[in-house]
Amino acid sequence: MKAVGIKMLKNRLSESVRIAARGEVVLVTDRDQVVAELRAPSIGRTKVLDDALLAAAAREGMSRPPLLTGSELPPRRPCMPLAELLSGIDRDRAER
């Protein structure tokens, strides 16, 4: 575990982030009091930011995950037979 003051963190942020990414916890201090921790993401956290934000919103109850997962769309059900649809279009055009 490493402790770093706010001013030092600001000046060497990239170095502190690299240390945290390797798995070490970086304690951020302000006047010798720990005010924050910089650490690598937890095991369940995705590396893609959008996915991580959506997962966090779902955990907090701000959104719900989709009911259907995967890349395939659900099967479509026709609302009426094609012949009936085309005859309706022809009737509409004839009225004009």
N, C-alpha and C. Protein backbone atom coordinates (compact mmCIF):
# COMPACT_ATOMS: atom_id res chain seq x y z
N MET A 1 0.85 -1.17 0.00
CA MET A 1 0.00 0.00 0.00
C MET A 1 0.90 1.23 0.00
N LYS A 2 0.50 2.21 -0.80
CA LYS A 2 1.29 3.43 -0.91
C LYS A 2 0.39 4.62 -0.57
N ALA A 3 0.93 5.61 0.12
CA ALA A 3 0.19 6.82 0.45
C ALA A 3 0.79 7.98 -0.32
N VAL A 4 -0.08 8.83 -0.83
CA VAL A 4 0.37 9.99 -1.59
C VAL A 4 -0.54 11.17 -1.27
N GLY A 5 0.06 12.34 -1.10
CA GLY A 5 -0.71 13.55 -0.85
C GLY A 5 -1.40 14.03 -2.11
N ILE A 6 -2.40 14.87 -1.94
CA ILE A 6 -3.18 15.36 -3.08
C ILE A 6 -2.29 16.09 -4.09
N LYS A 7 -1.39 16.93 -3.59
CA LYS A 7 -0.52 17.69 -4.49
C LYS A 7 0.39 16.76 -5.28
N MET A 8 0.96 15.76 -4.61
CA MET A 8 1.83 14.80 -5.29
C MET A 8 1.02 13.97 -6.28
N LEU A 9 -0.20 13.61 -5.90
CA LEU A 9 -1.06 12.84 -6.81
C LEU A 9 -1.34 13.64 -8.07
N LYS A 10 -1.61 14.91 -7.90
CA LYS A 10 -1.87 15.77 -9.05
C LYS A 10 -0.66 15.85 -9.97
N ASN A 11 0.51 15.95 -9.39
CA ASN A 11 1.73 16.07 -10.18
C ASN A 11 2.15 14.75 -10.84
N ARG A 12 1.82 13.63 -10.21
CA ARG A 12 2.26 12.32 -10.72
C ARG A 12 1.07 11.36 -10.84
N LEU A 13 -0.01 11.83 -11.42
CA LEU A 13 -1.22 11.02 -11.52
C LEU A 13 -0.99 9.76 -12.34
N SER A 14 -0.34 9.88 -13.47
CA SER A 14 -0.11 8.71 -14.34
C SER A 14 0.64 7.61 -13.60
N GLU A 15 1.65 7.98 -12.84
CA GLU A 15 2.43 7.00 -12.08
C GLU A 15 1.55 6.30 -11.04
N SER A 16 0.71 7.07 -10.34
CA SER A 16 -0.17 6.49 -9.32
C SER A 16 -1.20 5.56 -9.95
N VAL A 17 -1.71 5.91 -11.12
CA VAL A 17 -2.68 5.06 -11.81
C VAL A 17 -2.02 3.75 -12.24
N ARG A 18 -0.79 3.82 -12.72
CA ARG A 18 -0.08 2.60 -13.11
C ARG A 18 0.14 1.69 -11.89
N ILE A 19 0.46 2.28 -10.75
CA ILE A 19 0.66 1.49 -9.52
C ILE A 19 -0.65 0.80 -9.14
N ALA A 20 -1.75 1.54 -9.21
CA ALA A 20 -3.06 0.97 -8.87
C ALA A 20 -3.46 -0.11 -9.87
N ALA A 21 -3.15 0.09 -11.14
CA ALA A 21 -3.50 -0.90 -12.16
C ALA A 21 -2.76 -2.21 -11.93
N ARG A 22 -1.58 -2.15 -11.33
CA ARG A 22 -0.81 -3.37 -11.03
C ARG A 22 -1.39 -4.11 -9.83
N GLY A 23 -2.35 -3.53 -9.14
CA GLY A 23 -3.00 -4.21 -8.03
C GLY A 23 -2.72 -3.63 -6.66
N GLU A 24 -1.85 -2.64 -6.60
CA GLU A 24 -1.54 -2.02 -5.31
C GLU A 24 -2.55 -0.92 -5.02
N VAL A 25 -2.88 -0.73 -3.76
CA VAL A 25 -3.81 0.33 -3.35
C VAL A 25 -3.00 1.59 -3.07
N VAL A 26 -3.45 2.71 -3.64
CA VAL A 26 -2.81 3.99 -3.40
C VAL A 26 -3.77 4.81 -2.53
N LEU A 27 -3.33 5.15 -1.33
CA LEU A 27 -4.13 5.97 -0.42
C LEU A 27 -3.85 7.44 -0.72
N VAL A 28 -4.89 8.21 -0.90
CA VAL A 28 -4.77 9.64 -1.15
C VAL A 28 -5.00 10.35 0.17
N THR A 29 -4.05 11.19 0.55
CA THR A 29 -4.15 11.87 1.84
C THR A 29 -4.26 13.39 1.66
N ASP A 30 -4.89 14.00 2.62
CA ASP A 30 -4.99 15.45 2.70
C ASP A 30 -4.72 15.81 4.15
N ARG A 31 -3.60 16.47 4.38
CA ARG A 31 -3.15 16.84 5.73
C ARG A 31 -3.06 15.60 6.63
N ASP A 32 -2.43 14.56 6.10
CA ASP A 32 -2.18 13.30 6.80
C ASP A 32 -3.45 12.52 7.16
N GLN A 33 -4.54 12.82 6.51
CA GLN A 33 -5.78 12.05 6.69
C GLN A 33 -6.13 11.40 5.35
N VAL A 34 -6.44 10.11 5.39
CA VAL A 34 -6.82 9.40 4.16
C VAL A 34 -8.19 9.89 3.72
N VAL A 35 -8.26 10.38 2.48
CA VAL A 35 -9.53 10.90 1.95
C VAL A 35 -10.06 10.07 0.79
N ALA A 36 -9.21 9.23 0.18
CA ALA A 36 -9.65 8.41 -0.94
C ALA A 36 -8.68 7.26 -1.15
N GLU A 37 -9.15 6.26 -1.91
CA GLU A 37 -8.31 5.13 -2.29
C GLU A 37 -8.35 5.00 -3.80
N LEU A 38 -7.20 4.76 -4.38
CA LEU A 38 -7.09 4.51 -5.81
C LEU A 38 -6.68 3.05 -5.96
N ARG A 39 -7.51 2.25 -6.62
CA ARG A 39 -7.23 0.83 -6.75
C ARG A 39 -7.70 0.35 -8.11
N ALA A 40 -7.25 -0.85 -8.47
CA ALA A 40 -7.67 -1.47 -9.72
C ALA A 40 -9.16 -1.82 -9.62
N PRO A 41 -9.84 -1.93 -10.75
CA PRO A 41 -11.25 -2.29 -10.73
C PRO A 41 -11.45 -3.67 -10.10
N SER A 42 -12.60 -3.87 -9.47
CA SER A 42 -12.90 -5.17 -8.87
C SER A 42 -13.03 -6.23 -9.95
N ILE A 43 -12.98 -7.48 -9.56
CA ILE A 43 -12.95 -8.59 -10.52
C ILE A 43 -14.18 -8.60 -11.42
N GLY A 44 -15.35 -8.31 -10.89
CA GLY A 44 -16.57 -8.34 -11.69
C GLY A 44 -16.76 -7.16 -12.60
N ARG A 45 -15.92 -6.15 -12.46
CA ARG A 45 -16.06 -4.92 -13.24
C ARG A 45 -15.55 -5.12 -14.66
N THR A 46 -16.34 -4.70 -15.63
CA THR A 46 -15.92 -4.80 -17.02
C THR A 46 -14.90 -3.72 -17.35
N LYS A 47 -14.08 -3.96 -18.36
CA LYS A 47 -13.07 -2.98 -18.73
C LYS A 47 -13.61 -1.90 -19.66
N VAL A 48 -14.79 -2.12 -20.25
CA VAL A 48 -15.39 -1.15 -21.15
C VAL A 48 -16.21 -0.17 -20.32
N LEU A 49 -15.94 1.11 -20.47
CA LEU A 49 -16.55 2.14 -19.62
C LEU A 49 -18.07 2.15 -19.72
N ASP A 50 -18.61 2.10 -20.95
CA ASP A 50 -20.07 2.14 -21.09
C ASP A 50 -20.73 0.98 -20.38
N ASP A 51 -20.17 -0.22 -20.53
CA ASP A 51 -20.74 -1.39 -19.86
C ASP A 51 -20.65 -1.23 -18.34
N ALA A 52 -19.55 -0.68 -17.86
CA ALA A 52 -19.39 -0.50 -16.42
C ALA A 52 -20.41 0.50 -15.88
N LEU A 53 -20.65 1.57 -16.61
CA LEU A 53 -21.62 2.57 -16.16
C LEU A 53 -23.03 2.01 -16.17
N LEU A 54 -23.37 1.23 -17.20
CA LEU A 54 -24.69 0.62 -17.26
C LEU A 54 -24.88 -0.40 -16.14
N ALA A 55 -23.85 -1.19 -15.87
CA ALA A 55 -23.93 -2.18 -14.79
C ALA A 55 -24.09 -1.48 -13.45
N ALA A 56 -23.38 -0.39 -13.23
CA ALA A 56 -23.50 0.35 -11.98
C ALA A 56 -24.90 0.94 -11.83
N ALA A 57 -25.46 1.46 -12.93
CA ALA A 57 -26.81 2.02 -12.88
C ALA A 57 -27.83 0.93 -12.57
N ALA A 58 -27.64 -0.27 -13.11
CA ALA A 58 -28.56 -1.38 -12.82
C ALA A 58 -28.46 -1.80 -11.36
N ARG A 59 -27.23 -1.84 -10.82
CA ARG A 59 -27.05 -2.21 -9.42
C ARG A 59 -27.71 -1.21 -8.48
N GLU A 60 -27.69 0.07 -8.86
CA GLU A 60 -28.26 1.11 -8.01
C GLU A 60 -29.76 1.28 -8.23
N GLY A 61 -30.33 0.48 -9.14
CA GLY A 61 -31.77 0.54 -9.39
C GLY A 61 -32.19 1.67 -10.30
N MET A 62 -31.25 2.32 -10.96
CA MET A 62 -31.58 3.43 -11.85
C MET A 62 -32.03 2.93 -13.23
N SER A 63 -31.68 1.71 -13.57
CA SER A 63 -32.10 1.11 -14.83
C SER A 63 -32.27 -0.38 -14.63
N ARG A 64 -32.85 -1.03 -15.61
CA ARG A 64 -33.02 -2.47 -15.55
C ARG A 64 -32.31 -3.10 -16.74
N PRO A 65 -31.74 -4.28 -16.56
CA PRO A 65 -31.09 -4.94 -17.69
C PRO A 65 -32.15 -5.37 -18.70
N PRO A 66 -31.74 -5.58 -19.96
CA PRO A 66 -32.71 -5.98 -20.98
C PRO A 66 -33.29 -7.35 -20.69
N LEU A 67 -34.52 -7.55 -21.12
CA LEU A 67 -35.17 -8.84 -20.93
C LEU A 67 -34.58 -9.89 -21.88
N LEU A 68 -34.22 -9.46 -23.08
CA LEU A 68 -33.62 -10.35 -24.06
C LEU A 68 -32.14 -10.05 -24.18
N THR A 69 -31.34 -11.07 -24.17
CA THR A 69 -29.91 -10.87 -24.35
C THR A 69 -29.47 -11.59 -25.61
N GLY A 70 -28.35 -11.21 -26.13
CA GLY A 70 -27.84 -11.82 -27.35
C GLY A 70 -27.99 -10.88 -28.52
N SER A 71 -27.49 -11.30 -29.65
CA SER A 71 -27.49 -10.42 -30.82
C SER A 71 -28.67 -10.68 -31.74
N GLU A 72 -29.40 -11.77 -31.56
CA GLU A 72 -30.51 -12.08 -32.45
C GLU A 72 -31.77 -11.36 -31.99
N LEU A 73 -32.52 -10.90 -32.97
CA LEU A 73 -33.80 -10.26 -32.68
C LEU A 73 -34.84 -11.35 -32.45
N PRO A 74 -35.88 -11.06 -31.68
CA PRO A 74 -36.92 -12.06 -31.50
C PRO A 74 -37.63 -12.32 -32.82
N PRO A 75 -38.22 -13.49 -33.00
CA PRO A 75 -38.91 -13.76 -34.27
C PRO A 75 -40.09 -12.83 -34.45
N ARG A 76 -40.28 -12.39 -35.70
CA ARG A 76 -41.39 -11.48 -36.00
C ARG A 76 -42.64 -12.28 -36.30
N ARG A 77 -43.75 -11.77 -35.86
CA ARG A 77 -45.04 -12.40 -36.15
C ARG A 77 -45.80 -11.45 -37.08
N PRO A 78 -46.23 -11.91 -38.22
CA PRO A 78 -46.96 -11.02 -39.13
C PRO A 78 -48.30 -10.60 -38.52
N CYS A 79 -48.68 -9.36 -38.74
CA CYS A 79 -49.94 -8.86 -38.19
C CYS A 79 -51.12 -9.30 -39.05
N MET A 80 -50.87 -9.58 -40.34
CA MET A 80 -51.92 -10.08 -41.23
C MET A 80 -51.25 -10.70 -42.44
N PRO A 81 -51.96 -11.51 -43.18
CA PRO A 81 -51.37 -12.11 -44.38
C PRO A 81 -51.02 -11.03 -45.40
N LEU A 82 -50.00 -11.28 -46.20
CA LEU A 82 -49.51 -10.31 -47.18
C LEU A 82 -50.59 -9.94 -48.19
N ALA A 83 -51.36 -10.91 -48.64
CA ALA A 83 -52.41 -10.63 -49.63
C ALA A 83 -53.42 -9.65 -49.08
N GLU A 84 -53.80 -9.82 -47.81
CA GLU A 84 -54.76 -8.91 -47.18
C GLU A 84 -54.18 -7.51 -47.04
N LEU A 85 -52.92 -7.42 -46.70
CA LEU A 85 -52.25 -6.12 -46.58
C LEU A 85 -52.21 -5.41 -47.92
N LEU A 86 -51.83 -6.12 -48.98
CA LEU A 86 -51.74 -5.50 -50.31
C LEU A 86 -53.11 -5.07 -50.82
N SER A 87 -54.15 -5.87 -50.55
CA SER A 87 -55.49 -5.47 -51.00
C SER A 87 -55.95 -4.22 -50.25
N GLY A 88 -55.60 -4.10 -48.99
CA GLY A 88 -55.94 -2.89 -48.24
C GLY A 88 -55.24 -1.66 -48.80
N ILE A 89 -54.00 -1.82 -49.19
CA ILE A 89 -53.25 -0.70 -49.80
C ILE A 89 -53.90 -0.31 -51.13
N ASP A 90 -54.28 -1.32 -51.92
CA ASP A 90 -54.94 -1.03 -53.21
C ASP A 90 -56.25 -0.29 -52.99
N ARG A 91 -57.04 -0.68 -51.99
CA ARG A 91 -58.32 0.02 -51.70
C ARG A 91 -58.05 1.48 -51.32
N ASP A 92 -57.04 1.71 -50.47
CA ASP A 92 -56.70 3.07 -50.04
C ASP A 92 -56.29 3.93 -51.24
N ARG A 93 -55.52 3.36 -52.14
CA ARG A 93 -55.08 4.11 -53.32
C ARG A 93 -56.24 4.41 -54.27
N ALA A 94 -57.17 3.46 -54.35
CA ALA A 94 -58.30 3.64 -55.25
C ALA A 94 -59.22 4.77 -54.75
N GLU A 95 -59.28 4.96 -53.44
CA GLU A 95 -60.14 6.00 -52.88
C GLU A 95 -59.61 7.39 -53.14
N ARG A 96 -58.35 7.52 -53.46
CA ARG A 96 -57.76 8.85 -53.69
C ARG A 96 -58.06 9.31 -55.04
